[in-house]
C-alpha atoms as a PDB file:
ATOM      1  CA  MET A   1       0.000   0.000   0.000  1.00  0.00           C
ATOM      2  CA  ARG A   2       2.835   2.382   0.831  1.00  0.00           C
ATOM      3  CA  VAL A   3       4.424   1.957  -2.607  1.00  0.00           C
ATOM      4  CA  THR A   4       1.099   2.693  -4.310  1.00  0.00           C
ATOM      5  CA  ALA A   5       0.651   5.883  -2.283  1.00  0.00           C
ATOM      6  CA  SER A   6       4.187   6.976  -3.230  1.00  0.00           C
ATOM      7  CA  ILE A   7       3.463   6.375  -6.901  1.00  0.00           C
ATOM      8  CA  VAL A   8       0.210   8.361  -6.723  1.00  0.00           C
ATOM      9  CA  LEU A   9       1.981  11.241  -4.956  1.00  0.00           C
ATOM     10  CA  GLY A  10       4.733  11.151  -7.590  1.00  0.00           C
ATOM     11  CA  ILE A  11       2.204  11.330 -10.410  1.00  0.00           C
ATOM     12  CA  LEU A  12       0.420  14.227  -8.731  1.00  0.00           C
ATOM     13  CA  TRP A  13       3.737  16.046  -8.247  1.00  0.00           C
ATOM     14  CA  LEU A  14       4.636  15.610 -11.927  1.00  0.00           C
ATOM     15  CA  SER A  15       1.228  16.908 -13.026  1.00  0.00           C
ATOM     16  CA  ILE A  16       1.540  20.195 -11.088  1.00  0.00           C
ATOM     17  CA  PRO A  17       3.288  22.045 -13.966  1.00  0.00           C
ATOM     18  CA  LEU A  18       0.280  21.286 -16.181  1.00  0.00           C
ATOM     19  CA  SER A  19      -2.392  22.577 -13.823  1.00  0.00           C
ATOM     20  CA  ALA A  20      -3.651  26.141 -13.885  1.00  0.00           C
ATOM     21  CA  ASP A  21      -2.893  28.131 -10.811  1.00  0.00           C
ATOM     22  CA  THR A  22      -5.020  30.834  -9.251  1.00  0.00           C
ATOM     23  CA  LEU A  23      -3.395  33.632 -11.251  1.00  0.00           C
ATOM     24  CA  GLY A  24      -5.022  32.523 -14.516  1.00  0.00           C
ATOM     25  CA  PHE A  25      -2.090  30.940 -16.326  1.00  0.00           C
ATOM     26  CA  VAL A  26      -0.298  27.624 -16.719  1.00  0.00           C
ATOM     27  CA  GLU A  27       3.490  27.372 -16.329  1.00  0.00           C
ATOM     28  CA  GLN A  28       5.603  24.980 -18.362  1.00  0.00           C
ATOM     29  CA  LYS A  29       9.326  24.349 -17.838  1.00  0.00           C
ATOM     30  CA  PHE A  30      10.778  23.710 -21.260  1.00  0.00           C
ATOM     31  CA  SER A  31      13.999  22.948 -23.067  1.00  0.00           C
ATOM     32  CA  ASP A  32      12.766  24.241 -26.440  1.00  0.00           C
ATOM     33  CA  LEU A  33       9.866  26.330 -27.829  1.00  0.00           C
ATOM     34  CA  HIS A  34       8.828  26.820 -31.442  1.00  0.00           C
ATOM     35  CA  PHE A  35       6.255  29.461 -32.412  1.00  0.00           C
ATOM     36  CA  GLU A  36       4.340  29.126 -35.680  1.00  0.00           C
ATOM     37  CA  ARG A  37       5.718  31.558 -38.255  1.00  0.00           C
ATOM     38  CA  GLY A  38       3.627  34.660 -38.864  1.00  0.00           C
ATOM     39  CA  GLN A  39       1.131  33.836 -36.107  1.00  0.00           C
ATOM     40  CA  TRP A  40       2.841  35.477 -33.102  1.00  0.00           C
ATOM     41  CA  SER A  41       4.155  38.902 -32.164  1.00  0.00           C
ATOM     42  CA  ARG A  42       6.984  39.299 -29.638  1.00  0.00           C
ATOM     43  CA  THR A  43       7.398  42.089 -27.102  1.00  0.00           C
ATOM     44  CA  PRO A  44      10.526  42.328 -24.940  1.00  0.00           C
ATOM     45  CA  GLN A  45       9.918  42.916 -21.225  1.00  0.00           C
ATOM     46  CA  ALA A  46      13.424  42.501 -19.831  1.00  0.00           C
ATOM     47  CA  PRO A  47      14.492  39.913 -18.886  1.00  0.00           C
ATOM     48  CA  CYS A  48      11.430  38.178 -20.384  1.00  0.00           C
ATOM     49  CA  TYR A  49       9.514  38.168 -23.679  1.00  0.00           C
ATOM     50  CA  THR A  50       5.766  38.168 -24.202  1.00  0.00           C
ATOM     51  CA  TYR A  51       4.444  36.396 -27.293  1.00  0.00           C
ATOM     52  CA  THR A  52       0.898  37.227 -28.413  1.00  0.00           C
ATOM     53  CA  ALA A  53      -1.152  35.133 -30.845  1.00  0.00           C
ATOM     54  CA  THR A  54      -2.044  37.298 -33.839  1.00  0.00           C
ATOM     55  CA  ALA A  55      -4.511  34.772 -35.300  1.00  0.00           C
ATOM     56  CA  ASP A  56      -6.910  32.088 -34.117  1.00  0.00           C
ATOM     57  CA  GLY A  57      -5.289  28.663 -34.184  1.00  0.00           C
ATOM     58  CA  ALA A  58      -1.719  29.935 -33.663  1.00  0.00           C
ATOM     59  CA  ILE A  59       0.509  27.060 -32.511  1.00  0.00           C
ATOM     60  CA  VAL A  60       3.469  26.975 -30.140  1.00  0.00           C
ATOM     61  CA  ASP A  61       5.270  23.639 -29.785  1.00  0.00           C
ATOM     62  CA  VAL A  62       6.748  22.958 -26.339  1.00  0.00           C
ATOM     63  CA  LEU A  63       9.465  20.422 -25.537  1.00  0.00           C
ATOM     64  CA  ARG A  64       9.253  19.967 -21.772  1.00  0.00           C
ATOM     65  CA  ILE A  65      12.453  19.313 -19.858  1.00  0.00           C
ATOM     66  CA  GLY A  66      13.092  15.573 -19.724  1.00  0.00           C
ATOM     67  CA  MET A  67      10.538  14.732 -22.425  1.00  0.00           C
ATOM     68  CA  GLY A  68      11.205  13.510 -25.957  1.00  0.00           C
ATOM     69  CA  ASN A  69       8.246  14.923 -27.896  1.00  0.00           C
ATOM     70  CA  PHE A  70       7.011  18.401 -28.683  1.00  0.00           C
ATOM     71  CA  VAL A  71       3.486  19.136 -27.433  1.00  0.00           C
ATOM     72  CA  PRO A  72       1.501  21.637 -29.512  1.00  0.00           C
ATOM     73  CA  PHE A  73      -0.430  24.382 -27.736  1.00  0.00           C
ATOM     74  CA  LYS A  74      -3.093  26.098 -29.855  1.00  0.00           C
ATOM     75  CA  ALA A  75      -4.179  29.661 -29.059  1.00  0.00           C
ATOM     76  CA  THR A  76      -6.986  31.958 -30.035  1.00  0.00           C
ATOM     77  CA  LYS A  77      -6.091  35.468 -31.145  1.00  0.00           C
ATOM     78  CA  GLY A  78      -4.854  37.624 -28.282  1.00  0.00           C
ATOM     79  CA  LEU A  79      -3.675  34.872 -25.913  1.00  0.00           C
ATOM     80  CA  HIS A  80      -0.203  35.393 -24.417  1.00  0.00           C
ATOM     81  CA  VAL A  81       2.857  33.338 -23.540  1.00  0.00           C
ATOM     82  CA  MET A  82       5.395  35.002 -21.250  1.00  0.00           C
ATOM     83  CA  VAL A  83       8.837  33.405 -21.534  1.00  0.00           C
ATOM     84  CA  CYS A  84      11.427  33.947 -18.802  1.00  0.00           C
ATOM     85  CA  GLY A  85      14.498  31.733 -19.023  1.00  0.00           C
ATOM     86  CA  SER A  86      13.278  28.150 -19.294  1.00  0.00           C
ATOM     87  CA  VAL A  87       9.745  28.813 -17.986  1.00  0.00           C
ATOM     88  CA  ALA A  88       6.784  29.748 -20.163  1.00  0.00           C
ATOM     89  CA  ALA A  89       3.578  31.057 -18.562  1.00  0.00           C
ATOM     90  CA  PHE A  90       0.536  30.446 -20.780  1.00  0.00           C
ATOM     91  CA  ASP A  91      -2.730  32.378 -20.440  1.00  0.00           C
ATOM     92  CA  GLU A  92      -5.700  30.150 -19.704  1.00  0.00           C
ATOM     93  CA  GLY A  93      -7.520  29.173 -22.878  1.00  0.00           C
ATOM     94  CA  PHE A  94      -4.826  27.275 -24.791  1.00  0.00           C
ATOM     95  CA  GLU A  95      -5.739  23.858 -26.199  1.00  0.00           C
ATOM     96  CA  THR A  96      -3.165  21.073 -26.169  1.00  0.00           C
ATOM     97  CA  GLY A  97      -2.707  18.428 -28.806  1.00  0.00           C
ATOM     98  CA  LEU A  98      -0.992  15.080 -28.943  1.00  0.00           C
ATOM     99  CA  PRO A  99       2.809  15.093 -28.571  1.00  0.00           C
ATOM    100  CA  GLY A 100       4.861  15.041 -31.775  1.00  0.00           C
ATOM    101  CA  GLY A 101       2.087  16.045 -34.187  1.00  0.00           C
ATOM    102  CA  ALA A 102       2.683  15.314 -37.869  1.00  0.00           C
ATOM    103  CA  GLY A 103       2.632  18.961 -38.959  1.00  0.00           C
ATOM    104  CA  MET A 104       5.117  20.192 -36.388  1.00  0.00           C
ATOM    105  CA  ALA A 105       8.121  20.322 -38.720  1.00  0.00           C
ATOM    106  CA  GLN A 106       6.278  22.660 -41.121  1.00  0.00           C
ATOM    107  CA  ARG A 107       5.137  24.940 -38.258  1.00  0.00           C
ATOM    108  CA  ARG A 108       8.548  25.370 -36.648  1.00  0.00           C
ATOM    109  CA  SER A 109      10.112  28.601 -37.664  1.00  0.00           C
ATOM    110  CA  SER A 110      10.976  30.808 -34.737  1.00  0.00           C
ATOM    111  CA  SER A 111      12.137  29.462 -31.444  1.00  0.00           C
ATOM    112  CA  HIS A 112      13.006  30.879 -28.078  1.00  0.00           C
END
């Protein structure tokens, strides 16, 4: 029973980065980000950058630290991603897709 409880606690701990917190955004630690070309604007806010979706359906692919596949996040126009170092804070409202989507290579153009 003790091992099962440890496993459950471990799974819950790993899922924390994916859950929305009370401030209205979701944080992701990443090793690589790729924003869909022509679908995002970038505003410097030293030492961070804010990316804003300029069209509905804008995609940002996220490679989380320790993971092997990019996960696509789809935004509606006006949603933001604030990038500071290796942490990206996503506004609530992004949709996630399956890791390593087939169209990812064509979407990748600009990266953090």
